[in-house]
C-alpha atoms as a PDB file:
ATOM      1  CA  MET A   1     170.366   7.914 205.442  1.00  0.00           C
ATOM      2  CA  ASN A   2     170.194  10.899 207.590  1.00  0.00           C
ATOM      3  CA  ARG A   3     169.971  14.593 206.477  1.00  0.00           C
ATOM      4  CA  THR A   4     173.644  15.171 206.570  1.00  0.00           C
ATOM      5  CA  GLU A   5     174.658  12.106 204.402  1.00  0.00           C
ATOM      6  CA  PHE A   6     171.995  13.227 201.860  1.00  0.00           C
ATOM      7  CA  VAL A   7     173.397  16.703 201.651  1.00  0.00           C
ATOM      8  CA  ILE A   8     176.937  15.442 201.248  1.00  0.00           C
ATOM      9  CA  ALA A   9     175.867  12.802 198.508  1.00  0.00           C
ATOM     10  CA  THR A  10     173.871  15.419 196.834  1.00  0.00           C
ATOM     11  CA  ALA A  11     176.830  17.916 196.871  1.00  0.00           C
ATOM     12  CA  ILE A  12     179.096  15.182 195.563  1.00  0.00           C
ATOM     13  CA  ILE A  13     176.734  14.360 192.764  1.00  0.00           C
ATOM     14  CA  LEU A  14     176.282  18.002 191.785  1.00  0.00           C
ATOM     15  CA  PHE A  15     180.075  18.468 191.949  1.00  0.00           C
ATOM     16  CA  VAL A  16     180.665  15.544 189.690  1.00  0.00           C
ATOM     17  CA  ALA A  17     178.026  16.784 187.199  1.00  0.00           C
ATOM     18  CA  PHE A  18     179.561  20.219 187.180  1.00  0.00           C
ATOM     19  CA  CYS A  19     183.142  18.620 186.479  1.00  0.00           C
ATOM     20  CA  LEU A  20     181.687  16.518 183.764  1.00  0.00           C
ATOM     21  CA  GLY A  21     179.829  19.548 182.169  1.00  0.00           C
ATOM     22  CA  TRP A  22     183.067  21.609 182.412  1.00  0.00           C
ATOM     23  CA  PHE A  23     185.215  18.972 180.870  1.00  0.00           C
ATOM     24  CA  ALA A  24     182.616  18.433 178.039  1.00  0.00           C
ATOM     25  CA  SER A  25     182.485  22.171 177.334  1.00  0.00           C
ATOM     26  CA  TRP A  26     186.281  22.295 177.324  1.00  0.00           C
ATOM     27  CA  LEU A  27     186.549  19.311 175.055  1.00  0.00           C
ATOM     28  CA  ILE A  28     184.014  20.720 172.664  1.00  0.00           C
ATOM     29  CA  HIS A  29     185.661  24.133 172.623  1.00  0.00           C
ATOM     30  CA  ARG A  30     189.020  22.611 171.974  1.00  0.00           C
ATOM     31  CA  LEU A  31     187.798  20.465 169.084  1.00  0.00           C
ATOM     32  CA  THR A  32     185.698  23.216 167.377  1.00  0.00           C
ATOM     33  CA  ARG A  33     187.808  26.249 167.819  1.00  0.00           C
ATOM     34  CA  VAL A  34     188.872  28.008 164.759  1.00  0.00           C
ATOM     35  CA  THR A  35     192.420  29.481 164.727  1.00  0.00           C
ATOM     36  CA  ALA A  36     193.567  32.690 163.039  1.00  0.00           C
ATOM     37  CA  ALA A  37     195.484  30.420 160.574  1.00  0.00           C
ATOM     38  CA  ASP A  38     192.308  28.571 159.758  1.00  0.00           C
ATOM     39  CA  MET A  39     190.407  31.807 159.121  1.00  0.00           C
ATOM     40  CA  GLY A  40     193.286  33.070 156.808  1.00  0.00           C
ATOM     41  CA  GLU A  41     192.997  29.796 154.978  1.00  0.00           C
ATOM     42  CA  LEU A  42     189.270  30.139 154.814  1.00  0.00           C
ATOM     43  CA  GLU A  43     189.577  33.654 153.630  1.00  0.00           C
ATOM     44  CA  GLN A  44     192.035  32.591 150.846  1.00  0.00           C
ATOM     45  CA  MET A  45     189.750  29.683 149.798  1.00  0.00           C
ATOM     46  CA  ALA A  46     186.847  32.081 149.571  1.00  0.00           C
ATOM     47  CA  GLN A  47     188.857  34.634 147.539  1.00  0.00           C
ATOM     48  CA  ALA A  48     189.942  31.816 145.229  1.00  0.00           C
ATOM     49  CA  LEU A  49     186.386  30.688 144.813  1.00  0.00           C
ATOM     50  CA  HIS A  50     185.233  34.133 144.022  1.00  0.00           C
ATOM     51  CA  GLU A  51     187.935  34.541 141.350  1.00  0.00           C
ATOM     52  CA  ALA A  52     187.232  31.173 139.859  1.00  0.00           C
ATOM     53  CA  GLU A  53     183.480  32.161 139.608  1.00  0.00           C
ATOM     54  CA  GLU A  54     184.469  35.357 137.789  1.00  0.00           C
ATOM     55  CA  VAL A  55     186.649  33.486 135.490  1.00  0.00           C
ATOM     56  CA  ARG A  56     183.817  31.037 134.767  1.00  0.00           C
ATOM     57  CA  ASP A  57     181.321  33.845 134.069  1.00  0.00           C
ATOM     58  CA  GLN A  58     183.892  35.405 131.680  1.00  0.00           C
ATOM     59  CA  ALA A  59     184.420  32.028 129.960  1.00  0.00           C
ATOM     60  CA  ILE A  60     180.658  31.521 129.572  1.00  0.00           C
ATOM     61  CA  ALA A  61     180.189  35.154 128.219  1.00  0.00           C
ATOM     62  CA  TYR A  62     183.128  34.641 125.682  1.00  0.00           C
ATOM     63  CA  VAL A  63     181.704  31.262 124.585  1.00  0.00           C
ATOM     64  CA  GLU A  64     178.291  32.667 124.074  1.00  0.00           C
ATOM     65  CA  SER A  65     179.663  35.639 122.072  1.00  0.00           C
ATOM     66  CA  ARG A  66     181.882  33.324 120.123  1.00  0.00           C
ATOM     67  CA  GLU A  67     178.917  30.983 119.410  1.00  0.00           C
ATOM     68  CA  THR A  68     176.862  33.986 118.193  1.00  0.00           C
ATOM     69  CA  GLU A  69     179.621  34.931 115.937  1.00  0.00           C
ATOM     70  CA  LEU A  70     180.022  31.494 114.485  1.00  0.00           C
ATOM     71  CA  VAL A  71     176.377  31.012 113.938  1.00  0.00           C
ATOM     72  CA  ASN A  72     176.239  34.331 112.003  1.00  0.00           C
ATOM     73  CA  GLN A  73     179.333  33.292 110.113  1.00  0.00           C
ATOM     74  CA  LEU A  74     177.693  29.957 109.202  1.00  0.00           C
ATOM     75  CA  ASN A  75     174.419  31.652 108.090  1.00  0.00           C
ATOM     76  CA  GLN A  76     176.385  33.997 105.933  1.00  0.00           C
ATOM     77  CA  THR A  77     178.426  31.025 104.462  1.00  0.00           C
ATOM     78  CA  GLU A  78     175.251  29.146 103.715  1.00  0.00           C
ATOM     79  CA  ALA A  79     173.676  32.128 102.078  1.00  0.00           C
ATOM     80  CA  GLU A  80     176.808  32.510  99.939  1.00  0.00           C
ATOM     81  CA  LEU A  81     176.659  28.861  99.044  1.00  0.00           C
ATOM     82  CA  ARG A  82     173.022  29.111  97.984  1.00  0.00           C
ATOM     83  CA  ALA A  83     173.850  32.097  95.920  1.00  0.00           C
ATOM     84  CA  ALA A  84     176.690  30.169  94.340  1.00  0.00           C
ATOM     85  CA  MET A  85     174.562  27.114  93.727  1.00  0.00           C
ATOM     86  CA  ASP A  86     171.845  29.441  92.078  1.00  0.00           C
ATOM     87  CA  GLY A  87     174.512  31.040  89.759  1.00  0.00           C
ATOM     88  CA  LEU A  88     175.876  27.574  88.869  1.00  0.00           C
ATOM     89  CA  ARG A  89     172.333  26.311  88.058  1.00  0.00           C
ATOM     90  CA  ASP A  90     171.687  29.349  85.978  1.00  0.00           C
ATOM     91  CA  ALA A  91     175.096  28.984  84.273  1.00  0.00           C
ATOM     92  CA  ARG A  92     174.380  25.170  83.385  1.00  0.00           C
ATOM     93  CA  HIS A  93     171.039  26.113  82.070  1.00  0.00           C
ATOM     94  CA  GLU A  94     172.534  28.864  79.879  1.00  0.00           C
ATOM     95  CA  ALA A  95     175.240  26.472  78.623  1.00  0.00           C
ATOM     96  CA  GLU A  96     172.500  23.842  77.810  1.00  0.00           C
ATOM     97  CA  GLU A  97     170.732  26.509  75.809  1.00  0.00           C
ATOM     98  CA  LEU A  98     173.913  27.416  73.996  1.00  0.00           C
ATOM     99  CA  ARG A  99     174.575  23.844  73.169  1.00  0.00           C
ATOM    100  CA  ALA A 100     171.227  23.382  71.904  1.00  0.00           C
ATOM    101  CA  TYR A 101     171.517  26.490  69.798  1.00  0.00           C
ATOM    102  CA  ILE A 102     174.875  25.432  68.348  1.00  0.00           C
ATOM    103  CA  GLU A 103     173.601  22.018  67.624  1.00  0.00           C
ATOM    104  CA  LYS A 104     170.623  23.461  65.916  1.00  0.00           C
ATOM    105  CA  MET A 105     172.871  25.774  63.973  1.00  0.00           C
ATOM    106  CA  GLN A 106     175.148  22.978  62.948  1.00  0.00           C
ATOM    107  CA  GLY A 107     172.245  20.622  62.065  1.00  0.00           C
ATOM    108  CA  SER A 108     170.692  23.212  59.721  1.00  0.00           C
END
């Protein structure tokens, strides 16, 4: 192989490599390009996600406040129940004392 053939073969190889590189670049660009419609859709999805996160945060805050309210109401109800049970116990004790007094008075 003389010098001219070597230069021509090298030029052909470099040209083929350039063409393959250009084609690969075009193909990658074609497959990965993002259109304006895609950007609009992505923007809408991002907005919907942001709104969904806000709604979720509001729901969590509402649930936490409602839970606190219900726990307070439960504690208040339990306190009222204890007070009612104490009052009932005292009333039963007083009724027993009155029965005993009545039986003692009838027995005498």
